Amino acid sequence: MLNMTWEFKLEPTSAQVSEIERTLMVCRKVWNFALCERKDWLNSRKSPINACSIDREYIMSVDEPFPNYHVQAKRLTVAKQEIEELRSVNAQMLQQVLRRLEVGFERWRLRKGGIPRFKNQARMRSFLFPQMLKNCVSQDAIKLPQLGWVKVRWSRQIPDLFVVKQARIVRKASGYFVMLSLQADVNIPETSFYGHSIGIDVGLEYFLSTSDGTQVKRPRFFAELQRKLKLLQCRLKHKQKGSANRAKLLKKIARVHQRIADTRKDWHFKLAHQICDQADSIFVEDLDFRIMAKGMLGKHTLDAGLGQFTNQILPWVCFKRDKHYGKVNAYGTSQECPDCGASVRKTLSDRLHHCHECGSIKTRDIAAAQVINSRGQRDVETACGIEVTGDSVTNSSQLVLKQEIFGVI
C-alpha cells in the first residue's frame, strides 16, 4: 500500500472562509475544554494528603476515571445533544481533535515532547476530514464535507491510480491550503544498492560535501530577512493587543516566516535532485539534529534545515527517482582516514585531514564523506553477503510504476 500527502492551494469564497474560521473556532473550544479536563484530573492527584493548599485545591472523586480519548469521545456525543454549536460541525472532525490531544498527551507521558498547550485563535490552524466523499475531485474544485465545492489550484494532476482518503484544511499566512492523503493499492519495494555511490557529510561551513569532491556552501535563509523581521517585531510591541493594526502586523510577520520556510524547502528539493543526478546510491550519517539545535550553533542549524533535508526531502526524492538511500553509523567519520582506515584525531577547528600513516591530505569534510560512502558499501555487502560494486539497475517494472505515478524520472 502506497500512501502520499499532496498539498494544494485553495481559493474559497467569502462564505466558505467564514465557515472555515467558524469550524476552527469550534475545534479550538473542544481542544481547550478537553485539555482542561485532563489537567484538572492530574492536579487533583498531585496534592499530598497532609499538605493541601489553604487557598484552594482541586477536589475530584477518587473513582473518577482519567479523561482519555474514549471517555471524552462519549462525553462529546452527549454534549452534542445539548449544544447547538457542536451539532453544526462534522462529528468525526471533532473526534479527530480529541485524538490529536490523545497523541500529544501520550508523547508527553513517554517524555518525547512537552505537555499540550491551550490554543488561542492563532494557534488552531487546521482540521481534518477523516473520510472523503466519492468522486470528490473535479477539474477545478474539490468537494469537502460541510463546505461543498471549493476551488483549487491543481499544481499537478492526481494519478488515476490513487484514491483520496482524507483531507486536512490548513490556514497559513498566504491563505488556505488542503493536504490530501492519497492511497494506492500497490507495493513498491525499496530500491537496492546499485551503480555509482556517494557519501554525504553535512555541516555548517558547507551545507554538504560529497565523496566525489563537490561542496555546497550553506545559504543563510533566516539571516537575509532577519533585519526585516526584527523591525516588524519591534513595531509589534507598540501595538495594542486585540487591535486591528496588531492583527495586520502579525500577518506580515507570519508571511516573512513562511517566505523563509518556503525558500529553504524549495532550495532543499532542487539540491536533492542535483545529488540524484550525480549518483545511483546515496549514503548519509545517522544523526540526531535535535541535539545540535540545542547547542551554541542552534540558530544556524535550524536555519540550514539539516534534519528536514537528510531525513525527509532527500529520502523522498531518492524514492521518487529510484535511487538507493541509506544511513550509516556517524561515530568517528571525521576521525578516520578514508584511504588507509587509520585514526586521525582532529578538533573542530581542524578543517584539513592529514594522515601521518599514508600521507593523505584532503579537506576534512570530503574525507568524512568518503568514509561515509565506504561504510555504506560495507553495510550493504555485509547485509547481502555479495559483492555490490557495479550492480545493475533494479527491476524495470518498478521503474515503469514510478514513471506512471510521478511522471518522467
Protein backbone atom coordinates (compact mmCIF):
# COMPACT_ATOMS: atom_id res chain seq x y z
CA MET A 1 0.00 0.00 0.00
CA LEU A 2 1.46 3.35 -1.10
CA ASN A 3 0.43 6.48 0.84
CA MET A 4 1.33 10.06 -0.06
CA THR A 5 0.24 13.54 1.00
CA TRP A 6 -0.01 16.31 -1.58
CA GLU A 7 -0.68 19.96 -0.80
CA PHE A 8 -2.76 22.34 -2.95
CA LYS A 9 -3.78 25.99 -2.63
CA LEU A 10 -7.50 26.65 -2.03
CA GLU A 11 -9.45 29.61 -3.40
CA PRO A 12 -12.56 29.63 -1.17
CA THR A 13 -15.38 32.15 -1.37
CA SER A 14 -16.05 34.61 1.45
CA ALA A 15 -18.85 32.38 2.77
CA GLN A 16 -16.53 29.35 2.77
CA VAL A 17 -13.81 31.35 4.55
CA SER A 18 -16.32 32.28 7.27
CA GLU A 19 -17.31 28.62 7.62
CA ILE A 20 -13.65 27.52 7.85
CA GLU A 21 -12.95 30.12 10.55
CA ARG A 22 -16.07 29.12 12.49
CA THR A 23 -15.06 25.46 12.31
CA LEU A 24 -11.58 26.32 13.60
CA MET A 25 -13.16 28.21 16.50
CA VAL A 26 -15.33 25.21 17.49
CA CYS A 27 -12.34 22.86 17.23
CA ARG A 28 -10.32 25.23 19.43
CA LYS A 29 -13.06 25.25 22.09
CA VAL A 30 -13.25 21.45 22.11
CA TRP A 31 -9.43 21.19 22.38
CA ASN A 32 -9.23 23.67 25.27
CA PHE A 33 -12.13 22.10 27.19
CA ALA A 34 -10.74 18.58 26.79
CA LEU A 35 -7.26 19.73 27.80
CA CYS A 36 -8.69 21.49 30.87
CA GLU A 37 -10.42 18.27 31.92
CA ARG A 38 -7.17 16.33 31.71
CA LYS A 39 -5.16 18.94 33.61
CA ASP A 40 -7.80 19.20 36.34
CA TRP A 41 -7.70 15.43 36.80
CA LEU A 42 -3.89 15.47 37.06
CA ASN A 43 -3.91 18.41 39.51
CA SER A 44 -6.44 16.64 41.72
CA ARG A 45 -3.98 13.75 42.11
CA LYS A 46 -0.85 15.82 42.75
CA SER A 47 -1.56 17.34 46.17
CA PRO A 48 -0.17 15.40 49.18
CA ILE A 49 -2.81 14.37 51.69
CA ASN A 50 -1.06 16.25 54.51
CA ALA A 51 -0.14 19.41 52.60
CA CYS A 52 -3.28 20.76 50.92
CA SER A 53 -3.34 24.39 49.87
CA ILE A 54 -5.10 26.77 52.29
CA ASP A 55 -6.32 28.85 49.33
CA ARG A 56 -7.94 26.34 47.01
CA GLU A 57 -7.49 22.77 45.86
CA TYR A 58 -8.74 20.55 43.07
CA ILE A 59 -11.30 18.15 44.52
CA MET A 60 -12.41 15.23 42.38
CA SER A 61 -13.92 11.87 43.19
CA VAL A 62 -11.49 9.02 43.73
CA ASP A 63 -13.47 6.86 41.31
CA GLU A 64 -13.32 9.48 38.55
CA PRO A 65 -11.57 7.85 35.55
CA PHE A 66 -8.84 9.65 33.66
CA PRO A 67 -10.47 11.54 30.75
CA ASN A 68 -8.72 9.73 27.89
CA TYR A 69 -9.89 9.71 24.29
CA HIS A 70 -12.67 7.14 24.74
CA VAL A 71 -14.12 8.86 27.83
CA GLN A 72 -14.07 12.28 26.21
CA ALA A 73 -15.50 10.97 22.93
CA LYS A 74 -18.54 9.63 24.84
CA ARG A 75 -18.91 12.95 26.65
CA LEU A 76 -18.72 14.75 23.31
CA THR A 77 -21.63 12.68 21.99
CA VAL A 78 -23.74 13.68 25.00
CA ALA A 79 -22.70 17.34 24.71
CA LYS A 80 -23.72 17.46 21.03
CA GLN A 81 -27.33 16.78 22.06
CA GLU A 82 -27.33 19.85 24.30
CA ILE A 83 -25.09 22.36 22.47
CA GLU A 84 -26.20 23.55 19.05
CA GLU A 85 -22.72 24.83 18.15
CA LEU A 86 -21.25 21.32 18.38
CA ARG A 87 -24.03 19.86 16.23
CA SER A 88 -23.21 22.30 13.43
CA VAL A 89 -19.74 20.78 12.90
CA ASN A 90 -18.82 17.40 11.45
CA ALA A 91 -18.74 14.87 14.31
CA GLN A 92 -15.73 12.94 13.02
CA MET A 93 -13.78 16.19 12.77
CA LEU A 94 -14.24 16.89 16.49
CA GLN A 95 -13.25 13.31 17.30
CA GLN A 96 -10.01 13.87 15.40
CA VAL A 97 -9.33 16.90 17.62
CA LEU A 98 -9.61 14.65 20.68
CA ARG A 99 -7.42 12.04 19.01
CA ARG A 100 -4.69 14.63 18.35
CA LEU A 101 -4.85 15.63 22.01
CA GLU A 102 -4.50 11.98 23.00
CA VAL A 103 -1.39 11.64 20.82
CA GLY A 104 0.10 14.78 22.37
CA PHE A 105 -0.51 13.51 25.90
CA GLU A 106 0.98 10.12 25.06
CA ARG A 107 4.14 11.78 23.73
CA TRP A 108 4.35 13.83 26.93
CA ARG A 109 3.89 10.71 29.05
CA LEU A 110 6.73 8.97 27.21
CA ARG A 111 8.91 12.12 27.58
CA LYS A 112 9.10 12.64 23.83
CA GLY A 113 7.64 16.15 23.95
CA GLY A 114 6.11 18.80 26.17
CA ILE A 115 2.60 18.79 27.58
CA PRO A 116 -0.06 20.05 25.13
CA ARG A 117 -0.88 23.75 25.41
CA PHE A 118 -4.10 25.70 25.33
CA LYS A 119 -4.72 27.25 21.93
CA ASN A 120 -5.78 30.76 21.12
CA GLN A 121 -7.29 31.82 17.81
CA ALA A 122 -3.92 31.94 16.03
CA ARG A 123 -2.66 28.55 17.25
CA MET A 124 -5.54 26.41 15.97
CA ARG A 125 -4.71 26.38 12.28
CA SER A 126 -6.05 23.11 10.84
CA PHE A 127 -8.77 20.49 11.00
CA LEU A 128 -9.16 17.09 9.37
CA PHE A 129 -11.90 15.40 7.37
CA PRO A 130 -11.14 11.69 8.08
CA GLN A 131 -13.50 10.44 5.35
CA MET A 132 -13.98 11.88 1.89
CA LEU A 133 -16.95 11.69 -0.43
CA LYS A 134 -16.82 9.63 -3.62
CA ASN A 135 -15.92 11.48 -6.82
CA CYS A 136 -14.84 14.49 -4.76
CA VAL A 137 -12.28 15.79 -7.28
CA SER A 138 -13.26 17.73 -10.38
CA GLN A 139 -11.27 19.67 -12.94
CA ASP A 140 -11.03 22.87 -10.92
CA ALA A 141 -12.50 22.13 -7.46
CA ILE A 142 -12.78 19.61 -4.66
CA LYS A 143 -15.90 18.67 -2.72
CA LEU A 144 -15.41 18.82 1.04
CA PRO A 145 -17.94 17.84 3.72
CA GLN A 146 -19.74 20.84 5.17
CA LEU A 147 -18.03 23.23 2.71
CA GLY A 148 -19.23 21.89 -0.64
CA TRP A 149 -17.25 22.51 -3.82
CA VAL A 150 -14.13 24.62 -3.14
CA LYS A 151 -11.98 25.94 -5.96
CA VAL A 152 -8.42 24.54 -6.01
CA ARG A 153 -5.22 25.40 -7.86
CA TRP A 154 -4.23 21.97 -9.16
CA SER A 155 -0.45 22.40 -9.40
CA ARG A 156 -0.16 18.76 -10.52
CA GLN A 157 -2.58 16.10 -11.62
CA ILE A 158 -3.58 13.33 -9.23
CA PRO A 159 -2.86 9.96 -10.91
CA ASP A 160 -5.85 7.71 -11.58
CA LEU A 161 -4.11 5.05 -9.52
CA PHE A 162 -4.75 6.96 -6.26
CA VAL A 163 -7.86 7.41 -4.12
CA VAL A 164 -8.38 10.46 -1.91
CA LYS A 165 -8.79 9.14 1.64
CA GLN A 166 -8.52 12.22 3.87
CA ALA A 167 -8.27 15.99 3.59
CA ARG A 168 -6.80 18.47 6.06
CA ILE A 169 -7.60 22.17 5.74
CA VAL A 170 -4.66 24.33 6.84
CA ARG A 171 -4.65 28.09 7.38
CA LYS A 172 -1.33 29.75 6.57
CA ALA A 173 -0.18 33.33 6.26
CA SER A 174 -0.63 33.24 2.48
CA GLY A 175 -4.10 31.69 2.50
CA TYR A 176 -5.84 28.34 2.90
CA PHE A 177 -4.43 25.02 1.73
CA VAL A 178 -5.72 21.46 1.52
CA MET A 179 -3.47 18.47 2.24
CA LEU A 180 -4.84 15.39 0.52
CA SER A 181 -3.92 11.92 1.77
CA LEU A 182 -3.69 9.70 -1.30
CA GLN A 183 -3.65 5.92 -1.24
CA ALA A 184 -2.88 3.39 -3.97
CA ASP A 185 -3.19 -0.38 -3.76
CA VAL A 186 0.36 -1.05 -4.93
CA ASN A 187 3.51 -2.21 -3.20
CA ILE A 188 6.79 -0.63 -4.31
CA PRO A 189 9.84 -2.21 -2.64
CA GLU A 190 12.84 -0.18 -1.57
CA THR A 191 15.49 0.37 -4.20
CA SER A 192 18.50 -1.86 -3.65
CA PHE A 193 22.11 -0.73 -3.91
CA TYR A 194 23.38 -0.33 -7.47
CA GLY A 195 25.60 1.79 -9.69
CA HIS A 196 27.79 4.69 -8.60
CA SER A 197 27.53 5.59 -4.91
CA ILE A 198 28.42 8.73 -2.99
CA GLY A 199 28.61 9.64 0.68
CA ILE A 200 27.31 12.95 2.00
CA ASP A 201 28.67 14.83 5.00
CA VAL A 202 26.51 17.75 6.20
CA GLY A 203 27.69 20.68 8.24
CA LEU A 204 27.50 24.43 8.79
CA GLU A 205 30.59 25.73 6.98
CA TYR A 206 29.50 23.77 3.92
CA PHE A 207 25.90 22.59 3.81
CA LEU A 208 27.09 19.31 2.33
CA SER A 209 30.24 17.73 0.95
CA THR A 210 30.18 14.63 -1.23
CA SER A 211 32.75 11.88 -1.59
CA ASP A 212 33.25 12.96 -5.22
CA GLY A 213 34.64 16.32 -4.07
CA THR A 214 31.54 18.51 -4.50
CA GLN A 215 30.95 21.09 -1.79
CA VAL A 216 27.89 23.33 -1.44
CA LYS A 217 28.03 26.49 0.66
CA ARG A 218 25.33 26.92 3.28
CA PRO A 219 22.76 29.57 2.31
CA ARG A 220 21.53 31.81 5.13
CA PHE A 221 17.77 31.89 4.64
CA PHE A 222 16.92 33.43 8.01
CA ALA A 223 19.88 35.85 8.13
CA GLU A 224 18.87 37.51 4.85
CA LEU A 225 15.45 38.51 6.22
CA GLN A 226 16.37 38.81 9.89
CA ARG A 227 16.67 42.60 9.76
CA LYS A 228 13.22 42.99 8.22
CA LEU A 229 11.78 40.57 10.75
CA LYS A 230 13.43 42.44 13.62
CA LEU A 231 11.94 45.77 12.51
CA LEU A 232 8.45 44.29 12.26
CA GLN A 233 8.71 42.69 15.69
CA CYS A 234 9.95 45.97 17.22
CA ARG A 235 6.82 47.66 15.86
CA LEU A 236 4.67 44.89 17.29
CA LYS A 237 5.40 45.73 20.94
CA HIS A 238 3.81 49.18 20.49
CA LYS A 239 0.52 47.77 19.18
CA GLN A 240 -2.43 47.23 21.48
CA LYS A 241 -3.46 43.62 21.96
CA GLY A 242 -6.68 42.80 20.15
CA SER A 243 -6.45 45.77 17.77
CA ALA A 244 -6.80 45.53 14.00
CA ASN A 245 -3.36 47.06 13.42
CA ARG A 246 -1.76 44.39 15.60
CA ALA A 247 -3.54 41.66 13.63
CA LYS A 248 -2.29 43.13 10.33
CA LEU A 249 1.27 43.34 11.62
CA LEU A 250 1.14 39.74 12.89
CA LYS A 251 0.06 38.65 9.43
CA LYS A 252 3.06 40.46 7.88
CA ILE A 253 5.42 38.73 10.31
CA ALA A 254 3.85 35.36 9.52
CA ARG A 255 4.31 36.00 5.80
CA VAL A 256 8.03 36.66 6.31
CA HIS A 257 8.41 33.42 8.28
CA GLN A 258 6.53 31.48 5.59
CA ARG A 259 8.71 33.03 2.88
CA ILE A 260 11.83 31.86 4.74
CA ALA A 261 10.44 28.33 5.14
CA ASP A 262 9.26 28.09 1.52
CA THR A 263 12.60 29.35 0.17
CA ARG A 264 14.50 26.84 2.28
CA LYS A 265 12.26 23.95 1.22
CA ASP A 266 12.47 24.84 -2.46
CA TRP A 267 16.28 25.00 -2.28
CA HIS A 268 16.39 21.64 -0.50
CA PHE A 269 14.32 19.97 -3.21
CA LYS A 270 16.45 21.39 -6.02
CA LEU A 271 19.66 20.31 -4.27
CA ALA A 272 18.27 16.80 -3.68
CA HIS A 273 17.55 16.43 -7.40
CA GLN A 274 21.07 17.63 -8.25
CA ILE A 275 22.53 14.97 -5.95
CA CYS A 276 20.36 12.27 -7.53
CA ASP A 277 21.69 13.33 -10.94
CA GLN A 278 25.24 12.56 -9.75
CA ALA A 279 24.80 9.09 -8.23
CA ASP A 280 22.64 5.97 -8.08
CA SER A 281 23.17 5.18 -4.37
CA ILE A 282 23.42 7.80 -1.63
CA PHE A 283 24.60 7.37 1.96
CA VAL A 284 24.28 9.89 4.81
CA GLU A 285 25.11 9.91 8.51
CA ASP A 286 22.50 8.76 11.04
CA LEU A 287 22.48 11.92 13.18
CA ASP A 288 20.01 13.42 15.66
CA PHE A 289 19.96 17.08 14.67
CA ARG A 290 17.76 17.99 17.63
CA ILE A 291 20.86 17.75 19.82
CA MET A 292 22.78 20.10 17.51
CA ALA A 293 19.87 22.55 17.57
CA LYS A 294 20.22 22.92 21.36
CA GLY A 295 23.88 23.94 21.27
CA MET A 296 25.59 27.25 20.71
CA LEU A 297 25.15 26.86 16.95
CA GLY A 298 21.46 26.02 17.25
CA LYS A 299 20.30 29.11 15.35
CA HIS A 300 22.45 28.25 12.32
CA THR A 301 21.50 24.56 12.50
CA LEU A 302 17.79 25.40 12.39
CA ASP A 303 18.35 27.97 9.65
CA ALA A 304 20.08 25.37 7.46
CA GLY A 305 17.33 22.78 7.99
CA LEU A 306 19.74 19.83 8.07
CA GLY A 307 17.17 17.46 9.56
CA GLN A 308 14.50 18.39 7.02
CA PHE A 309 16.90 17.76 4.16
CA THR A 310 18.52 14.48 5.25
CA ASN A 311 15.52 12.84 6.96
CA GLN A 312 12.57 13.99 4.84
CA ILE A 313 13.32 15.58 1.47
CA LEU A 314 16.36 13.59 0.31
CA PRO A 315 14.80 10.15 1.10
CA TRP A 316 11.61 11.15 -0.70
CA VAL A 317 13.45 12.38 -3.82
CA CYS A 318 15.58 9.22 -3.82
CA PHE A 319 12.43 7.09 -3.68
CA LYS A 320 10.84 9.12 -6.45
CA ARG A 321 13.95 8.99 -8.65
CA ASP A 322 14.54 5.27 -7.92
CA LYS A 323 17.84 5.85 -6.13
CA HIS A 324 19.13 3.85 -3.18
CA TYR A 325 19.20 5.79 0.10
CA GLY A 326 20.93 4.53 3.23
CA LYS A 327 22.15 5.71 6.63
CA VAL A 328 25.41 4.74 8.29
CA ASN A 329 26.79 4.97 11.81
CA ALA A 330 28.03 8.52 12.34
CA TYR A 331 30.55 7.70 15.08
CA GLY A 332 34.08 8.76 14.16
CA THR A 333 33.51 9.54 10.48
CA SER A 334 35.65 12.69 10.75
CA GLN A 335 38.37 10.92 12.78
CA GLU A 336 39.11 8.15 10.28
CA CYS A 337 41.32 8.16 7.21
CA PRO A 338 39.32 7.20 4.09
CA ASP A 339 42.40 5.76 2.34
CA CYS A 340 44.07 3.56 4.97
CA GLY A 341 41.49 3.48 7.81
CA ALA A 342 43.88 4.88 10.42
CA SER A 343 42.60 7.00 13.28
CA VAL A 344 43.42 10.69 12.77
CA ARG A 345 42.33 12.79 15.73
CA LYS A 346 41.05 16.29 14.91
CA THR A 347 39.43 19.11 16.81
CA LEU A 348 36.51 21.07 15.43
CA SER A 349 38.86 23.86 14.32
CA ASP A 350 40.94 21.46 12.19
CA ARG A 351 39.49 21.76 8.69
CA LEU A 352 42.17 19.73 6.90
CA HIS A 353 42.64 15.98 7.01
CA HIS A 354 46.31 14.93 7.12
CA CYS A 355 47.04 11.25 7.72
CA HIS A 356 50.55 10.53 9.04
CA GLU A 357 50.24 6.84 8.15
CA CYS A 358 49.65 7.11 4.40
CA GLY A 359 50.27 10.82 3.83
CA SER A 360 46.75 11.54 2.57
CA ILE A 361 45.88 15.27 2.60
CA LYS A 362 42.39 16.49 1.73
CA THR A 363 39.56 18.62 3.03
CA ARG A 364 38.13 17.33 6.29
CA ASP A 365 34.50 17.26 5.08
CA ILE A 366 35.33 15.46 1.83
CA ALA A 367 37.36 12.88 3.77
CA ALA A 368 34.41 12.31 6.09
CA ALA A 369 32.09 11.89 3.10
CA GLN A 370 34.41 9.25 1.64
CA VAL A 371 34.38 7.39 4.97
CA ILE A 372 30.56 7.51 4.93
CA ASN A 373 30.50 6.11 1.40
CA SER A 374 32.83 3.23 2.26
CA ARG A 375 30.84 2.42 5.41
CA GLY A 376 27.60 2.36 3.41
CA GLN A 377 29.06 -0.03 0.87
CA ARG A 378 30.41 -2.30 3.63
CA ASP A 379 27.00 -2.35 5.35
CA VAL A 380 25.28 -3.36 2.12
CA GLU A 381 27.85 -6.08 1.39
CA THR A 382 27.52 -7.43 4.93
CA ALA A 383 23.71 -7.46 4.75
CA CYS A 384 23.55 -9.06 1.30
CA GLY A 385 26.63 -11.25 1.53
CA ILE A 386 27.58 -10.39 -2.06
CA GLU A 387 29.82 -8.00 -3.93
CA VAL A 388 27.69 -4.98 -4.83
CA THR A 389 30.08 -2.69 -6.69
CA GLY A 390 28.86 -2.06 -10.25
CA ASP A 391 25.46 -3.69 -9.70
CA SER A 392 22.93 -3.22 -12.50
CA VAL A 393 19.77 -1.13 -12.36
CA THR A 394 16.89 -2.55 -10.34
CA ASN A 395 13.68 -4.14 -11.55
CA SER A 396 12.33 -2.44 -14.68
CA SER A 397 8.68 -2.93 -13.62
CA GLN A 398 9.41 -0.82 -10.53
CA LEU A 399 10.74 1.98 -12.77
CA VAL A 400 7.65 1.80 -15.01
CA LEU A 401 5.32 2.04 -12.00
CA LYS A 402 7.13 5.09 -10.60
CA GLN A 403 7.09 6.76 -14.00
CA GLU A 404 3.34 6.21 -14.15
CA ILE A 405 2.89 7.83 -10.73
CA PHE A 406 5.42 10.67 -10.76
CA GLY A 407 5.92 11.25 -14.48
CA VAL A 408 9.27 11.18 -16.27
CA ILE A 409 12.18 10.37 -13.94
